[in-house]
Amino acid sequence: MSKNLTQEERKELRRKLRKVLISLNNRTSFSDGAYEAMNRLADEFVEALYCKIDEVWARNMNVEQEETDETTRNY
């Protein structure tokens, strides 16, 4: 069974999350601009994560469908 994330994909997700955490850690109070910037960083991370989850889900659905098709052909 193949892994759902490549090394490069893991690095990219970690990089996006790290940007959010560093941004949050470096501020004791937020201006409106800082708040918006942090929200954009968080949105980028969440969007990347959701895209990867959807990709894995679709791939798994294709595998299940192929297995079902193979089982049906064998009957």
Protein backbone atom coordinates (compact mmCIF):
# COMPACT_ATOMS: atom_id res chain seq x y z
CA MET A 1 0.00 0.00 0.00
CA SER A 2 1.38 3.41 -0.92
CA LYS A 3 1.69 6.26 1.52
CA ASN A 4 -0.87 9.02 1.27
CA LEU A 5 1.69 11.84 1.57
CA THR A 6 5.00 12.14 -0.18
CA GLN A 7 7.98 13.53 1.68
CA GLU A 8 7.62 16.77 -0.30
CA GLU A 9 3.91 17.08 0.53
CA ARG A 10 4.64 16.58 4.24
CA LYS A 11 7.32 19.27 4.07
CA GLU A 12 4.94 21.69 2.39
CA LEU A 13 2.19 21.12 4.98
CA ARG A 14 4.69 21.49 7.81
CA ARG A 15 5.99 24.71 6.27
CA LYS A 16 2.49 26.17 6.06
CA LEU A 17 1.65 25.15 9.63
CA ARG A 18 4.98 26.48 10.90
CA LYS A 19 4.23 29.88 9.34
CA VAL A 20 0.91 30.01 11.21
CA LEU A 21 2.45 28.97 14.52
CA ILE A 22 5.40 31.36 14.25
CA SER A 23 3.08 34.21 13.36
CA LEU A 24 0.88 33.42 16.35
CA ASN A 25 3.83 32.98 18.72
CA ASN A 26 5.45 36.30 17.75
CA ARG A 27 2.46 38.44 18.69
CA THR A 28 1.15 39.41 22.10
CA SER A 29 -1.62 41.51 20.59
CA PHE A 30 -3.08 41.74 17.12
CA SER A 31 -3.77 44.72 14.95
CA ASP A 32 -6.51 44.31 12.37
CA GLY A 33 -3.85 43.79 9.70
CA ALA A 34 -1.98 41.17 11.73
CA TYR A 35 -5.24 39.38 12.47
CA GLU A 36 -6.12 39.27 8.77
CA ALA A 37 -2.61 38.11 7.82
CA MET A 38 -2.73 35.30 10.37
CA ASN A 39 -6.15 34.26 9.15
CA ARG A 40 -4.83 34.10 5.58
CA LEU A 41 -1.89 31.94 6.69
CA ALA A 42 -4.22 29.64 8.61
CA ASP A 43 -6.60 29.47 5.64
CA GLU A 44 -3.71 28.49 3.33
CA PHE A 45 -2.76 25.66 5.66
CA VAL A 46 -6.32 24.41 6.10
CA GLU A 47 -6.99 24.61 2.35
CA ALA A 48 -3.83 22.63 1.57
CA LEU A 49 -4.79 20.03 4.17
CA TYR A 50 -8.37 19.71 2.89
CA CYS A 51 -7.12 19.36 -0.69
CA LYS A 52 -4.82 16.53 0.35
CA ILE A 53 -7.58 14.82 2.33
CA ASP A 54 -9.90 15.06 -0.70
CA GLU A 55 -7.18 13.67 -2.96
CA VAL A 56 -6.58 10.69 -0.67
CA TRP A 57 -10.33 10.10 -0.32
CA ALA A 58 -10.83 10.10 -4.09
CA ARG A 59 -7.89 7.75 -4.60
CA ASN A 60 -9.26 5.36 -1.96
CA MET A 61 -12.71 5.45 -3.55
CA ASN A 62 -11.15 4.58 -6.92
CA VAL A 63 -9.28 1.64 -5.37
CA GLU A 64 -12.45 0.38 -3.70
CA GLN A 65 -14.38 0.72 -6.97
CA GLU A 66 -11.68 -1.16 -8.86
CA GLU A 67 -11.73 -3.94 -6.25
CA THR A 68 -15.53 -4.12 -6.50
CA ASP A 69 -15.35 -4.24 -10.29
CA GLU A 70 -12.74 -7.01 -10.12
CA THR A 71 -14.86 -9.02 -7.69
CA THR A 72 -17.92 -8.59 -9.91
CA ARG A 73 -16.00 -9.75 -12.99
CA ASN A 74 -14.86 -12.89 -11.18
CA TYR A 75 -18.43 -14.04 -10.56
